Structures are given as structure tokens and as C-alpha cells.
C-alpha atoms as a PDB file:
ATOM      1  CA  MET A   1     111.040-340.280 106.111  1.00  0.00           C
ATOM      2  CA  ARG A   2     112.303-336.851 105.970  1.00  0.00           C
ATOM      3  CA  GLU A   3     109.904-333.969 105.969  1.00  0.00           C
ATOM      4  CA  ILE A   4     110.209-331.464 103.223  1.00  0.00           C
ATOM      5  CA  LYS A   5     110.475-327.969 104.614  1.00  0.00           C
ATOM      6  CA  LYS A   6     108.715-325.221 102.817  1.00  0.00           C
ATOM      7  CA  SER A   7     111.039-322.465 101.865  1.00  0.00           C
ATOM      8  CA  SER A   8     110.147-318.856 102.560  1.00  0.00           C
ATOM      9  CA  LYS A   9     111.452-317.751  99.167  1.00  0.00           C
ATOM     10  CA  SER A  10     108.064-318.228  97.536  1.00  0.00           C
ATOM     11  CA  ASP A  11     106.394-315.975 100.146  1.00  0.00           C
ATOM     12  CA  LEU A  12     108.730-313.032  99.500  1.00  0.00           C
ATOM     13  CA  PRO A  13     107.355-312.057  96.050  1.00  0.00           C
ATOM     14  CA  LEU A  14     103.781-312.353  97.339  1.00  0.00           C
ATOM     15  CA  VAL A  15     104.484-310.014 100.292  1.00  0.00           C
ATOM     16  CA  PHE A  16     106.228-307.548  97.993  1.00  0.00           C
ATOM     17  CA  LEU A  17     103.287-307.546  95.559  1.00  0.00           C
ATOM     18  CA  LYS A  18     100.789-306.949  98.385  1.00  0.00           C
ATOM     19  CA  TRP A  19     102.895-304.048  99.668  1.00  0.00           C
ATOM     20  CA  LEU A  20     103.246-302.587  96.134  1.00  0.00           C
ATOM     21  CA  VAL A  21      99.492-302.789  95.468  1.00  0.00           C
ATOM     22  CA  THR A  22      98.725-301.108  98.807  1.00  0.00           C
ATOM     23  CA  VAL A  23     101.207-298.264  98.235  1.00  0.00           C
ATOM     24  CA  LEU A  24     100.032-297.631  94.667  1.00  0.00           C
ATOM     25  CA  SER A  25      96.379-297.653  95.747  1.00  0.00           C
ATOM     26  CA  ILE A  26      97.061-295.084  98.461  1.00  0.00           C
ATOM     27  CA  VAL A  27      99.013-292.886  96.023  1.00  0.00           C
ATOM     28  CA  MET A  28      96.193-293.047  93.461  1.00  0.00           C
ATOM     29  CA  VAL A  29      93.515-292.149  96.018  1.00  0.00           C
ATOM     30  CA  LEU A  30      95.560-289.239  97.381  1.00  0.00           C
ATOM     31  CA  GLY A  31      96.299-287.987  93.847  1.00  0.00           C
ATOM     32  CA  PHE A  32      92.610-288.133  92.948  1.00  0.00           C
ATOM     33  CA  LEU A  33      91.640-286.225  96.099  1.00  0.00           C
ATOM     34  CA  PHE A  34      94.332-283.623  95.390  1.00  0.00           C
ATOM     35  CA  LEU A  35      93.082-283.202  91.816  1.00  0.00           C
ATOM     36  CA  VAL A  36      89.452-282.861  92.904  1.00  0.00           C
ATOM     37  CA  THR A  37      90.431-280.307  95.575  1.00  0.00           C
ATOM     38  CA  ILE A  38      92.463-278.160  93.165  1.00  0.00           C
ATOM     39  CA  LEU A  39      89.741-278.239  90.512  1.00  0.00           C
ATOM     40  CA  GLY A  40      87.114-277.354  93.114  1.00  0.00           C
ATOM     41  CA  ILE A  41      89.119-274.337  94.257  1.00  0.00           C
ATOM     42  CA  LYS A  42      89.651-273.180  90.659  1.00  0.00           C
ATOM     43  CA  ILE A  43      85.954-273.529  89.823  1.00  0.00           C
ATOM     44  CA  PHE A  44      84.940-271.723  93.021  1.00  0.00           C
ATOM     45  CA  ASN A  45      87.314-268.832  92.262  1.00  0.00           C
ATOM     46  CA  PHE A  46      86.120-268.709  88.638  1.00  0.00           C
ATOM     47  CA  ASN A  47      82.504-268.320  89.733  1.00  0.00           C
ATOM     48  CA  THR A  48      83.304-265.520  92.190  1.00  0.00           C
ATOM     49  CA  THR A  49      84.957-263.137  89.714  1.00  0.00           C
ATOM     50  CA  PRO A  50      83.478-259.634  89.876  1.00  0.00           C
ATOM     51  CA  GLN A  51      80.799-259.010  87.266  1.00  0.00           C
ATOM     52  CA  ASN A  52      81.842-255.411  86.588  1.00  0.00           C
ATOM     53  CA  LEU A  53      84.948-256.578  84.700  1.00  0.00           C
ATOM     54  CA  THR A  54      82.819-257.309  81.643  1.00  0.00           C
ATOM     55  CA  GLU A  55      81.496-253.741  81.476  1.00  0.00           C
ATOM     56  CA  LEU A  56      83.762-251.545  79.433  1.00  0.00           C
ATOM     57  CA  PRO A  57      83.671-247.853  80.333  1.00  0.00           C
ATOM     58  CA  ASN A  58      82.993-245.264  77.661  1.00  0.00           C
ATOM     59  CA  ARG A  59      86.501-243.986  76.969  1.00  0.00           C
ATOM     60  CA  GLU A  60      85.631-242.054  73.846  1.00  0.00           C
ATOM     61  CA  ILE A  61      85.280-238.394  74.727  1.00  0.00           C
ATOM     62  CA  VAL A  62      83.985-236.299  71.865  1.00  0.00           C
ATOM     63  CA  ILE A  63      83.931-232.568  72.468  1.00  0.00           C
ATOM     64  CA  PRO A  64      81.310-230.996  70.192  1.00  0.00           C
ATOM     65  CA  ASN A  65      82.201-228.228  67.755  1.00  0.00           C
ATOM     66  CA  GLY A  66      81.650-224.810  69.236  1.00  0.00           C
ATOM     67  CA  ILE A  67      83.131-222.235  71.571  1.00  0.00           C
ATOM     68  CA  ILE A  68      84.538-223.540  74.848  1.00  0.00           C
ATOM     69  CA  GLU A  69      82.971-221.363  77.547  1.00  0.00           C
ATOM     70  CA  THR A  70      84.608-222.772  80.700  1.00  0.00           C
ATOM     71  CA  ILE A  71      86.987-225.495  81.806  1.00  0.00           C
ATOM     72  CA  ASP A  72      86.857-226.389  85.497  1.00  0.00           C
ATOM     73  CA  ILE A  73      88.865-228.929  87.515  1.00  0.00           C
ATOM     74  CA  LYS A  74      87.499-229.856  90.960  1.00  0.00           C
ATOM     75  CA  ASN A  75      87.520-233.057  93.021  1.00  0.00           C
ATOM     76  CA  LYS A  76      89.441-235.022  90.366  1.00  0.00           C
ATOM     77  CA  THR A  77      86.845-234.216  87.697  1.00  0.00           C
ATOM     78  CA  LEU A  78      87.141-232.073  84.596  1.00  0.00           C
ATOM     79  CA  THR A  79      84.058-230.097  83.570  1.00  0.00           C
ATOM     80  CA  ILE A  80      83.933-228.571  80.093  1.00  0.00           C
ATOM     81  CA  VAL A  81      81.117-226.246  78.955  1.00  0.00           C
ATOM     82  CA  VAL A  82      80.863-225.781  75.190  1.00  0.00           C
ATOM     83  CA  LYS A  83      78.524-223.289  73.500  1.00  0.00           C
ATOM     84  CA  VAL A  84      77.370-225.121  70.375  1.00  0.00           C
ATOM     85  CA  SER A  85      74.983-222.487  69.096  1.00  0.00           C
ATOM     86  CA  ALA A  86      72.921-219.606  70.417  1.00  0.00           C
ATOM     87  CA  GLY A  87      70.982-220.957  73.380  1.00  0.00           C
ATOM     88  CA  HIS A  88      72.522-224.465  73.202  1.00  0.00           C
ATOM     89  CA  LEU A  89      75.208-225.647  75.651  1.00  0.00           C
ATOM     90  CA  GLU A  90      76.953-229.029  75.974  1.00  0.00           C
ATOM     91  CA  ILE A  91      78.448-229.958  79.366  1.00  0.00           C
ATOM     92  CA  LEU A  92      80.946-232.809  79.676  1.00  0.00           C
ATOM     93  CA  ILE A  93      82.156-234.193  83.027  1.00  0.00           C
ATOM     94  CA  VAL A  94      85.296-236.378  82.835  1.00  0.00           C
ATOM     95  CA  ASP A  95      86.989-238.360  85.617  1.00  0.00           C
ATOM     96  CA  LEU A  96      90.666-237.348  85.623  1.00  0.00           C
ATOM     97  CA  LYS A  97      91.806-240.514  87.397  1.00  0.00           C
ATOM     98  CA  ASP A  98      90.545-242.969  84.762  1.00  0.00           C
ATOM     99  CA  GLY A  99      89.791-240.670  81.832  1.00  0.00           C
ATOM    100  CA  ILE A 100      86.182-241.877  81.750  1.00  0.00           C
ATOM    101  CA  LEU A 101      83.303-239.699  80.595  1.00  0.00           C
ATOM    102  CA  LEU A 102      81.023-239.586  83.640  1.00  0.00           C
ATOM    103  CA  ASN A 103      78.166-237.427  82.301  1.00  0.00           C
ATOM    104  CA  GLN A 104      77.297-235.398  79.262  1.00  0.00           C
ATOM    105  CA  TYR A 105      74.456-232.882  79.323  1.00  0.00           C
ATOM    106  CA  SER A 106      72.798-230.940  76.528  1.00  0.00           C
ATOM    107  CA  ILE A 107      71.020-227.742  77.558  1.00  0.00           C
ATOM    108  CA  LYS A 108      68.823-225.825  75.160  1.00  0.00           C
ATOM    109  CA  GLN A 109      67.441-222.448  76.161  1.00  0.00           C
ATOM    110  CA  LYS A 110      64.149-221.157  74.885  1.00  0.00           C
ATOM    111  CA  LYS A 111      63.286-217.526  74.592  1.00  0.00           C
ATOM    112  CA  SER A 112      60.908-216.310  77.219  1.00  0.00           C
ATOM    113  CA  LEU A 113      58.252-213.684  76.805  1.00  0.00           C
ATOM    114  CA  TYR A 114      59.318-212.126  80.084  1.00  0.00           C
ATOM    115  CA  ASN A 115      63.020-211.789  79.269  1.00  0.00           C
ATOM    116  CA  LYS A 116      64.105-209.197  76.734  1.00  0.00           C
END
């Protein structure tokens, strides 16, 4: 009797399917690792943002009504002295670079018994 030879045609789809499953598994694992890495970097950078960005500087500069005594510009700061009333001065110090009010002082003078 003749022997029936097995043909290799039935093995070809099985080899192709094994190869396809292996390649797709590798691509999925690499894609997942890439996604986890990118998200980790984004979350790390989000947590390291400087905290001073949330603080808004006081940009409203209100000069009180009165007589401006002096205006002085030194070291990139503007100093304005305003005489509000007799014995009462307001001093404003403004940063010229950013336009931010750095300090504002109110000075009230009292009459002394020793000064005439």
C-alpha cells in the first residue's frame, strides 16, 4: 500500500498565526510601556511646578490724595512720598521692572512738647 504523505500546506497557516500573535503581543507590551513612561513623566513634571505661580502680585497701585513731596528712582525702584495731611505721609515703593507695589508705609507725626 501506498503511504499518504502529509502536506505542509496545513502547517503554513499555523506558523503564520503563531508569528502574528507573537508580533502583536510584543507591540502591545511596548505600547503599554511607552504609555506608562510618558504618563509618568507628565505626572512628575506636573507635581514639580513652582508654587509661586499661584500667587498673584498686587498690581493695583493707588496713590493717595494729597501733595506729592518727592519722587525718587534708584536701583530700579520708584519711591513716591505723598503728604496726605499735616503730619501724615504716605510712602509707596514700586518695582519698575514688573510694576509691582513692593511696600507702602503710612507715617503719622505727633506733636512733641520739646519741638516748637
